[in-house]
Amino acid sequence: MSKMIVIDQSACTGCRQCELVCSVKHTGTADPARARISIIKWEAEGFYLPMLCQQCEQAACAAVCPKRAISRDQAAGRVLIDYQLCIGCRMCVMACPFGAVGVDVQEGRPIKCDHCDGEPTCVDFCDAAALTFVDTETAHLAKKRACSARYSALMGIQGR
């Protein structure tokens, strides 16, 4: 079954623990610049937004790759980079509409979230529970319920 990382922006404290554990998991070093997740911060407003690959169904990064090094694992619901095929042209970095494909400058290759092969370390270490790893259907149902609740409130409809 396909799973996804769901972000609760309102719970994020901007601690950047997710960036550290991601970089350690993937590179063996605590270097947020090499993480597959980034916290975008607006300090004055106290607004923090974790950004990572959305694992798009029609991934722009995969569409522009001249070597077809980026493909979708349908069963796991992930978009993966095959580094044996990747030539490091960075077209994927430019194509991602979310800015979620980065570059590991030490390795000279693109990097993006791979869900840590089904056990995302960032989720495990997020003390604020701003990141959760859930079945895709569960995530969609939660969004539908939240939207329904907002609509009901807007229309003045009482829950029954």
N, C-alpha and C. Protein backbone atom coordinates (compact mmCIF):
# COMPACT_ATOMS: atom_id res chain seq x y z
N MET A 1 0.84 -1.19 0.00
CA MET A 1 0.00 0.00 0.00
C MET A 1 0.88 1.24 0.00
N SER A 2 0.47 2.24 -0.74
CA SER A 2 1.20 3.49 -0.86
C SER A 2 1.05 4.33 0.40
N LYS A 3 2.17 4.92 0.83
CA LYS A 3 2.16 5.80 2.01
C LYS A 3 2.77 7.13 1.65
N MET A 4 2.49 8.13 2.47
CA MET A 4 3.02 9.46 2.23
C MET A 4 3.35 10.15 3.55
N ILE A 5 4.26 11.10 3.47
CA ILE A 5 4.59 11.92 4.64
C ILE A 5 3.64 13.11 4.62
N VAL A 6 2.91 13.27 5.70
CA VAL A 6 1.95 14.37 5.82
C VAL A 6 2.57 15.40 6.76
N ILE A 7 2.49 16.66 6.36
CA ILE A 7 3.06 17.76 7.12
C ILE A 7 1.95 18.54 7.81
N ASP A 8 2.09 18.72 9.13
CA ASP A 8 1.19 19.60 9.89
C ASP A 8 2.01 20.84 10.21
N GLN A 9 1.92 21.82 9.33
CA GLN A 9 2.73 23.03 9.47
C GLN A 9 2.50 23.70 10.80
N SER A 10 1.29 23.67 11.31
CA SER A 10 0.99 24.36 12.57
C SER A 10 1.70 23.73 13.77
N ALA A 11 2.13 22.48 13.63
CA ALA A 11 2.84 21.80 14.72
C ALA A 11 4.35 21.98 14.65
N CYS A 12 4.86 22.38 13.49
CA CYS A 12 6.31 22.51 13.31
C CYS A 12 6.86 23.64 14.16
N THR A 13 7.91 23.35 14.93
CA THR A 13 8.55 24.34 15.79
C THR A 13 9.80 24.94 15.15
N GLY A 14 10.20 24.44 14.00
CA GLY A 14 11.39 24.95 13.33
C GLY A 14 12.69 24.47 13.96
N CYS A 15 12.65 23.40 14.72
CA CYS A 15 13.84 22.90 15.42
C CYS A 15 14.90 22.33 14.48
N ARG A 16 14.49 21.90 13.30
CA ARG A 16 15.37 21.36 12.26
C ARG A 16 15.96 19.99 12.61
N GLN A 17 15.41 19.34 13.60
CA GLN A 17 15.84 17.98 13.96
C GLN A 17 15.68 17.04 12.77
N CYS A 18 14.61 17.23 12.00
CA CYS A 18 14.36 16.38 10.83
C CYS A 18 15.49 16.50 9.82
N GLU A 19 15.99 17.71 9.61
CA GLU A 19 17.10 17.91 8.68
C GLU A 19 18.35 17.18 9.15
N LEU A 20 18.63 17.28 10.43
CA LEU A 20 19.83 16.64 10.97
C LEU A 20 19.77 15.12 10.85
N VAL A 21 18.66 14.53 11.27
CA VAL A 21 18.59 13.06 11.23
C VAL A 21 18.54 12.55 9.79
N CYS A 22 17.96 13.33 8.89
CA CYS A 22 17.93 12.95 7.48
C CYS A 22 19.35 12.91 6.92
N SER A 23 20.12 13.97 7.20
CA SER A 23 21.48 14.00 6.67
C SER A 23 22.34 12.90 7.27
N VAL A 24 22.16 12.62 8.54
CA VAL A 24 22.91 11.53 9.18
C VAL A 24 22.53 10.19 8.55
N LYS A 25 21.25 9.97 8.35
CA LYS A 25 20.77 8.71 7.76
C LYS A 25 21.36 8.50 6.36
N HIS A 26 21.37 9.55 5.55
CA HIS A 26 21.78 9.40 4.16
C HIS A 26 23.27 9.62 3.89
N THR A 27 23.94 10.42 4.74
CA THR A 27 25.34 10.74 4.45
C THR A 27 26.30 10.37 5.58
N GLY A 28 25.74 10.09 6.76
CA GLY A 28 26.60 9.79 7.90
C GLY A 28 27.13 11.03 8.60
N THR A 29 26.71 12.21 8.15
CA THR A 29 27.15 13.46 8.78
C THR A 29 25.94 14.32 9.13
N ALA A 30 26.06 15.10 10.20
CA ALA A 30 25.00 16.01 10.61
C ALA A 30 25.18 17.33 9.86
N ASP A 31 24.68 17.38 8.64
CA ASP A 31 24.83 18.54 7.78
C ASP A 31 23.50 18.82 7.09
N PRO A 32 22.70 19.76 7.63
CA PRO A 32 21.38 20.04 7.06
C PRO A 32 21.39 20.36 5.57
N ALA A 33 22.48 20.88 5.06
CA ALA A 33 22.56 21.20 3.63
C ALA A 33 22.50 19.94 2.77
N ARG A 34 22.75 18.78 3.39
CA ARG A 34 22.73 17.52 2.64
C ARG A 34 21.47 16.70 2.94
N ALA A 35 20.51 17.30 3.64
CA ALA A 35 19.26 16.62 3.98
C ALA A 35 18.29 16.63 2.80
N ARG A 36 17.37 15.68 2.81
CA ARG A 36 16.34 15.58 1.77
C ARG A 36 15.07 16.32 2.17
N ILE A 37 15.07 16.91 3.35
CA ILE A 37 13.97 17.74 3.83
C ILE A 37 14.57 19.07 4.26
N SER A 38 13.81 20.15 4.05
CA SER A 38 14.27 21.49 4.43
C SER A 38 13.17 22.19 5.19
N ILE A 39 13.58 22.93 6.20
CA ILE A 39 12.61 23.76 6.92
C ILE A 39 12.75 25.18 6.39
N ILE A 40 11.69 25.68 5.80
CA ILE A 40 11.64 27.06 5.34
C ILE A 40 11.13 27.88 6.52
N LYS A 41 11.91 28.91 6.90
CA LYS A 41 11.58 29.67 8.12
C LYS A 41 11.29 31.13 7.81
N TRP A 42 10.26 31.62 8.45
CA TRP A 42 9.96 33.04 8.53
C TRP A 42 10.01 33.35 10.02
N GLU A 43 11.19 33.69 10.51
CA GLU A 43 11.42 33.87 11.96
C GLU A 43 10.52 34.94 12.56
N ALA A 44 10.42 36.09 11.90
CA ALA A 44 9.65 37.20 12.46
C ALA A 44 8.19 36.81 12.70
N GLU A 45 7.66 35.97 11.81
CA GLU A 45 6.26 35.55 11.93
C GLU A 45 6.11 34.28 12.77
N GLY A 46 7.22 33.62 13.05
CA GLY A 46 7.15 32.35 13.77
C GLY A 46 6.53 31.25 12.92
N PHE A 47 6.78 31.31 11.61
CA PHE A 47 6.19 30.38 10.67
C PHE A 47 7.28 29.47 10.11
N TYR A 48 7.06 28.15 10.25
CA TYR A 48 8.04 27.17 9.80
C TYR A 48 7.33 26.14 8.93
N LEU A 49 7.93 25.85 7.78
CA LEU A 49 7.30 24.93 6.84
C LEU A 49 8.28 23.86 6.37
N PRO A 50 8.08 22.62 6.78
CA PRO A 50 8.91 21.53 6.25
C PRO A 50 8.58 21.31 4.78
N MET A 51 9.63 21.25 3.96
CA MET A 51 9.46 21.02 2.53
C MET A 51 10.20 19.76 2.13
N LEU A 52 9.51 18.89 1.41
CA LEU A 52 10.13 17.67 0.90
C LEU A 52 9.41 17.22 -0.34
N CYS A 53 9.96 16.22 -1.01
CA CYS A 53 9.38 15.72 -2.25
C CYS A 53 7.95 15.26 -2.03
N GLN A 54 7.07 15.65 -2.92
CA GLN A 54 5.67 15.28 -2.84
C GLN A 54 5.37 13.94 -3.54
N GLN A 55 6.40 13.31 -4.09
CA GLN A 55 6.27 12.01 -4.75
C GLN A 55 5.16 12.06 -5.81
N CYS A 56 5.21 13.05 -6.66
CA CYS A 56 4.17 13.33 -7.67
C CYS A 56 3.87 12.14 -8.58
N GLU A 57 2.60 11.99 -8.91
CA GLU A 57 2.18 10.96 -9.85
C GLU A 57 2.79 11.22 -11.23
N GLN A 58 2.74 12.46 -11.67
CA GLN A 58 3.33 12.89 -12.95
C GLN A 58 4.53 13.77 -12.61
N ALA A 59 5.59 13.17 -12.15
CA ALA A 59 6.74 13.91 -11.64
C ALA A 59 7.49 14.67 -12.73
N ALA A 60 7.55 15.99 -12.58
CA ALA A 60 8.27 16.83 -13.53
C ALA A 60 9.75 16.47 -13.57
N CYS A 61 10.31 16.11 -12.42
CA CYS A 61 11.73 15.75 -12.37
C CYS A 61 12.02 14.53 -13.25
N ALA A 62 11.10 13.57 -13.22
CA ALA A 62 11.27 12.36 -14.04
C ALA A 62 11.07 12.67 -15.53
N ALA A 63 10.14 13.56 -15.82
CA ALA A 63 9.83 13.88 -17.21
C ALA A 63 11.01 14.55 -17.93
N VAL A 64 11.80 15.34 -17.20
CA VAL A 64 12.90 16.06 -17.86
C VAL A 64 14.23 15.31 -17.81
N CYS A 65 14.30 14.23 -17.10
CA CYS A 65 15.58 13.52 -16.96
C CYS A 65 16.00 12.89 -18.30
N PRO A 66 17.13 13.32 -18.87
CA PRO A 66 17.54 12.81 -20.17
C PRO A 66 18.01 11.34 -20.14
N LYS A 67 18.31 10.84 -18.97
CA LYS A 67 18.79 9.46 -18.86
C LYS A 67 17.75 8.53 -18.22
N ARG A 68 16.57 9.07 -17.95
CA ARG A 68 15.49 8.30 -17.30
C ARG A 68 15.97 7.67 -15.99
N ALA A 69 16.77 8.46 -15.28
CA ALA A 69 17.30 8.00 -14.00
C ALA A 69 16.30 8.16 -12.87
N ILE A 70 15.22 8.88 -13.13
CA ILE A 70 14.19 9.10 -12.11
C ILE A 70 12.93 8.39 -12.55
N SER A 71 12.43 7.54 -11.66
CA SER A 71 11.23 6.78 -11.98
C SER A 71 10.35 6.62 -10.75
N ARG A 72 9.13 6.23 -10.99
CA ARG A 72 8.16 6.07 -9.92
C ARG A 72 8.03 4.60 -9.55
N ASP A 73 8.15 4.32 -8.26
CA ASP A 73 7.88 2.99 -7.71
C ASP A 73 6.41 2.99 -7.32
N GLN A 74 5.57 2.47 -8.20
CA GLN A 74 4.12 2.53 -8.00
C GLN A 74 3.68 1.84 -6.70
N ALA A 75 4.27 0.69 -6.41
CA ALA A 75 3.86 -0.07 -5.23
C ALA A 75 4.10 0.72 -3.94
N ALA A 76 5.24 1.39 -3.85
CA ALA A 76 5.58 2.13 -2.64
C ALA A 76 5.13 3.59 -2.69
N GLY A 77 4.74 4.05 -3.88
CA GLY A 77 4.30 5.44 -4.02
C GLY A 77 5.44 6.43 -3.91
N ARG A 78 6.63 6.05 -4.39
CA ARG A 78 7.80 6.92 -4.29
C ARG A 78 8.39 7.19 -5.67
N VAL A 79 9.04 8.35 -5.79
CA VAL A 79 9.80 8.69 -6.97
C VAL A 79 11.26 8.58 -6.57
N LEU A 80 12.01 7.75 -7.30
CA LEU A 80 13.38 7.43 -6.91
C LEU A 80 14.39 7.82 -7.99
N ILE A 81 15.60 8.11 -7.55
CA ILE A 81 16.70 8.41 -8.46
C ILE A 81 17.63 7.20 -8.51
N ASP A 82 17.92 6.74 -9.71
CA ASP A 82 18.88 5.67 -9.92
C ASP A 82 20.23 6.34 -10.21
N TYR A 83 21.10 6.33 -9.21
CA TYR A 83 22.38 7.03 -9.34
C TYR A 83 23.34 6.35 -10.31
N GLN A 84 23.04 5.12 -10.69
CA GLN A 84 23.86 4.45 -11.71
C GLN A 84 23.60 5.08 -13.08
N LEU A 85 22.40 5.63 -13.27
CA LEU A 85 22.04 6.26 -14.54
C LEU A 85 22.21 7.78 -14.55
N CYS A 86 22.12 8.39 -13.38
CA CYS A 86 22.16 9.85 -13.26
C CYS A 86 23.50 10.41 -13.74
N ILE A 87 23.43 11.48 -14.55
CA ILE A 87 24.66 12.13 -15.04
C ILE A 87 24.90 13.46 -14.33
N GLY A 88 24.05 13.81 -13.39
CA GLY A 88 24.25 15.03 -12.61
C GLY A 88 23.98 16.32 -13.35
N CYS A 89 23.10 16.30 -14.33
CA CYS A 89 22.82 17.50 -15.14
C CYS A 89 21.97 18.53 -14.40
N ARG A 90 21.28 18.11 -13.37
CA ARG A 90 20.45 18.97 -12.50
C ARG A 90 19.18 19.50 -13.18
N MET A 91 18.78 18.90 -14.27
CA MET A 91 17.51 19.30 -14.89
C MET A 91 16.35 19.05 -13.92
N CYS A 92 16.45 17.98 -13.15
CA CYS A 92 15.39 17.65 -12.18
C CYS A 92 15.26 18.74 -11.13
N VAL A 93 16.37 19.32 -10.73
CA VAL A 93 16.37 20.39 -9.73
C VAL A 93 15.58 21.59 -10.27
N MET A 94 15.83 21.94 -11.52
CA MET A 94 15.14 23.08 -12.13
C MET A 94 13.67 22.79 -12.39
N ALA A 95 13.32 21.54 -12.65
CA ALA A 95 11.95 21.19 -13.03
C ALA A 95 10.99 21.06 -11.87
N CYS A 96 11.48 20.74 -10.68
CA CYS A 96 10.58 20.49 -9.55
C CYS A 96 9.84 21.77 -9.16
N PRO A 97 8.50 21.77 -9.25
CA PRO A 97 7.75 22.98 -8.92
C PRO A 97 7.73 23.31 -7.44
N PHE A 98 8.15 22.36 -6.59
CA PHE A 98 8.15 22.56 -5.14
C PHE A 98 9.54 22.90 -4.61
N GLY A 99 10.56 22.84 -5.45
CA GLY A 99 11.92 23.08 -4.98
C GLY A 99 12.40 21.98 -4.07
N ALA A 100 11.85 20.78 -4.24
CA ALA A 100 12.14 19.67 -3.33
C ALA A 100 13.32 18.81 -3.76
N VAL A 101 13.81 19.01 -4.97
CA VAL A 101 15.00 18.29 -5.41
C VAL A 101 16.17 19.23 -5.19
N GLY A 102 17.09 18.79 -4.35
CA GLY A 102 18.26 19.61 -4.04
C GLY A 102 19.50 19.02 -4.67
N VAL A 103 20.64 19.57 -4.30
CA VAL A 103 21.92 19.08 -4.80
C VAL A 103 22.84 18.85 -3.62
N ASP A 104 23.40 17.67 -3.55
CA ASP A 104 24.44 17.38 -2.57
C ASP A 104 25.74 17.83 -3.23
N VAL A 105 26.24 18.99 -2.83
CA VAL A 105 27.41 19.56 -3.50
C VAL A 105 28.67 18.73 -3.26
N GLN A 106 28.71 18.00 -2.16
CA GLN A 106 29.88 17.16 -1.92
C GLN A 106 29.90 15.94 -2.84
N GLU A 107 28.72 15.41 -3.13
CA GLU A 107 28.61 14.25 -4.02
C GLU A 107 28.43 14.65 -5.48
N GLY A 108 27.98 15.90 -5.69
CA GLY A 108 27.75 16.38 -7.04
C GLY A 108 26.57 15.73 -7.72
N ARG A 109 25.54 15.44 -6.94
CA ARG A 109 24.37 14.78 -7.52
C ARG A 109 23.08 15.29 -6.87
N PRO A 110 21.97 15.13 -7.58
CA PRO A 110 20.69 15.57 -7.01
C PRO A 110 20.26 14.67 -5.86
N ILE A 111 19.53 15.25 -4.92
CA ILE A 111 18.99 14.49 -3.79
C ILE A 111 17.53 14.87 -3.59
N LYS A 112 16.75 13.89 -3.16
CA LYS A 112 15.34 14.12 -2.85
C LYS A 112 14.89 13.05 -1.86
N CYS A 113 13.78 13.30 -1.23
CA CYS A 113 13.24 12.35 -0.24
C CYS A 113 12.92 11.01 -0.91
N ASP A 114 13.34 9.95 -0.25
CA ASP A 114 13.04 8.60 -0.75
C ASP A 114 12.25 7.78 0.30
N HIS A 115 11.72 8.49 1.29
CA HIS A 115 10.97 7.86 2.39
C HIS A 115 11.81 6.87 3.17
N CYS A 116 13.12 6.99 3.06
CA CYS A 116 14.05 6.09 3.79
C CYS A 116 13.65 4.63 3.62
N ASP A 117 13.31 4.29 2.37
CA ASP A 117 12.90 2.92 2.04
C ASP A 117 11.72 2.43 2.88
N GLY A 118 10.81 3.33 3.20
CA GLY A 118 9.58 2.95 3.88
C GLY A 118 9.56 3.21 5.37
N GLU A 119 10.65 3.74 5.92
CA GLU A 119 10.70 4.07 7.35
C GLU A 119 11.38 5.43 7.52
N PRO A 120 10.65 6.52 7.22
CA PRO A 120 11.26 7.85 7.23
C PRO A 120 11.79 8.25 8.61
N THR A 121 13.08 8.48 8.66
CA THR A 121 13.75 8.84 9.91
C THR A 121 13.24 10.18 10.44
N CYS A 122 12.96 11.12 9.55
CA CYS A 122 12.48 12.43 9.98
C CYS A 122 11.19 12.32 10.78
N VAL A 123 10.31 11.43 10.36
CA VAL A 123 9.04 11.22 11.05
C VAL A 123 9.29 10.64 12.45
N ASP A 124 10.18 9.67 12.53
CA ASP A 124 10.49 9.03 13.82
C ASP A 124 11.05 10.01 14.83
N PHE A 125 11.79 11.02 14.37
CA PHE A 125 12.45 11.95 15.28
C PHE A 125 11.74 13.28 15.46
N CYS A 126 10.58 13.44 14.83
CA CYS A 126 9.85 14.71 14.95
C CYS A 126 9.06 14.71 16.26
N ASP A 127 9.64 15.31 17.30
CA ASP A 127 8.99 15.34 18.61
C ASP A 127 7.69 16.13 18.61
N ALA A 128 7.58 17.10 17.71
CA ALA A 128 6.38 17.93 17.65
C ALA A 128 5.25 17.25 16.87
N ALA A 129 5.52 16.08 16.29
CA ALA A 129 4.55 15.34 15.47
C ALA A 129 4.04 16.17 14.29
N ALA A 130 4.93 17.01 13.75
CA ALA A 130 4.57 17.80 12.57
C ALA A 130 4.65 16.93 11.31
N LEU A 131 5.34 15.80 11.40
CA LEU A 131 5.47 14.88 10.28
C LEU A 131 4.89 13.53 10.68
N THR A 132 4.04 12.99 9.82
CA THR A 132 3.50 11.64 10.04
C THR A 132 3.59 10.87 8.72
N PHE A 133 3.71 9.57 8.83
CA PHE A 133 3.81 8.70 7.66
C PHE A 133 2.58 7.81 7.66
N VAL A 134 1.66 8.08 6.74
CA VAL A 134 0.37 7.41 6.77
C VAL A 134 0.01 6.85 5.39
N ASP A 135 -0.94 5.93 5.38
CA ASP A 135 -1.46 5.42 4.12
C ASP A 135 -2.03 6.59 3.33
N THR A 136 -1.81 6.59 2.05
CA THR A 136 -2.27 7.69 1.20
C THR A 136 -3.77 7.89 1.33
N GLU A 137 -4.53 6.81 1.38
CA GLU A 137 -5.99 6.93 1.50
C GLU A 137 -6.38 7.60 2.82
N THR A 138 -5.67 7.28 3.90
CA THR A 138 -5.95 7.88 5.20
C THR A 138 -5.72 9.38 5.14
N ALA A 139 -4.64 9.78 4.49
CA ALA A 139 -4.32 11.21 4.37
C ALA A 139 -5.40 11.94 3.58
N HIS A 140 -5.85 11.34 2.50
CA HIS A 140 -6.89 11.98 1.67
C HIS A 140 -8.21 12.08 2.43
N LEU A 141 -8.55 11.06 3.19
CA LEU A 141 -9.78 11.08 3.97
C LEU A 141 -9.72 12.18 5.03
N ALA A 142 -8.58 12.34 5.69
CA ALA A 142 -8.43 13.39 6.71
C ALA A 142 -8.59 14.77 6.08
N LYS A 143 -8.03 14.96 4.88
CA LYS A 143 -8.17 16.25 4.19
C LYS A 143 -9.64 16.52 3.84
N LYS A 144 -10.33 15.49 3.38
CA LYS A 144 -11.74 15.64 3.03
C LYS A 144 -12.57 16.01 4.26
N ARG A 145 -12.29 15.37 5.37
CA ARG A 145 -13.02 15.67 6.61
C ARG A 145 -12.75 17.10 7.08
N ALA A 146 -11.50 17.54 7.01
CA ALA A 146 -11.16 18.90 7.42
C ALA A 146 -11.85 19.92 6.52
N CYS A 147 -11.87 19.66 5.24
CA CYS A 147 -12.53 20.55 4.29
C CYS A 147 -14.03 20.60 4.57
N SER A 148 -14.60 19.46 4.85
CA SER A 148 -16.02 19.38 5.15
C SER A 148 -16.35 20.18 6.42
N ALA A 149 -15.50 20.08 7.42
CA ALA A 149 -15.71 20.81 8.67
C ALA A 149 -15.64 22.32 8.43
N ARG A 150 -14.66 22.76 7.62
CA ARG A 150 -14.55 24.19 7.30
C ARG A 150 -15.78 24.68 6.53
N TYR A 151 -16.23 23.88 5.60
CA TYR A 151 -17.41 24.24 4.82
C TYR A 151 -18.65 24.32 5.71
N SER A 152 -18.79 23.35 6.60
CA SER A 152 -19.93 23.35 7.52
C SER A 152 -19.92 24.61 8.39
N ALA A 153 -18.74 24.97 8.89
CA ALA A 153 -18.63 26.16 9.72
C ALA A 153 -18.97 27.42 8.91
N LEU A 154 -18.49 27.46 7.69
CA LEU A 154 -18.74 28.60 6.82
C LEU A 154 -20.25 28.75 6.53
N MET A 155 -20.91 27.64 6.34
CA MET A 155 -22.33 27.66 6.00
C MET A 155 -23.23 27.68 7.25
N GLY A 156 -22.62 27.60 8.42
CA GLY A 156 -23.41 27.63 9.65
C GLY A 156 -24.17 26.34 9.90
N ILE A 157 -23.67 25.24 9.37
CA ILE A 157 -24.31 23.94 9.54
C ILE A 157 -23.78 23.30 10.80
N GLN A 158 -24.64 22.85 11.66
CA GLN A 158 -24.26 22.17 12.89
C GLN A 158 -23.99 20.71 12.62
N GLY A 159 -22.97 20.15 13.31
CA GLY A 159 -22.69 18.72 13.20
C GLY A 159 -23.82 17.92 13.82
N ARG A 160 -24.13 16.77 13.26
CA ARG A 160 -25.24 15.95 13.77
C ARG A 160 -24.74 14.65 14.30
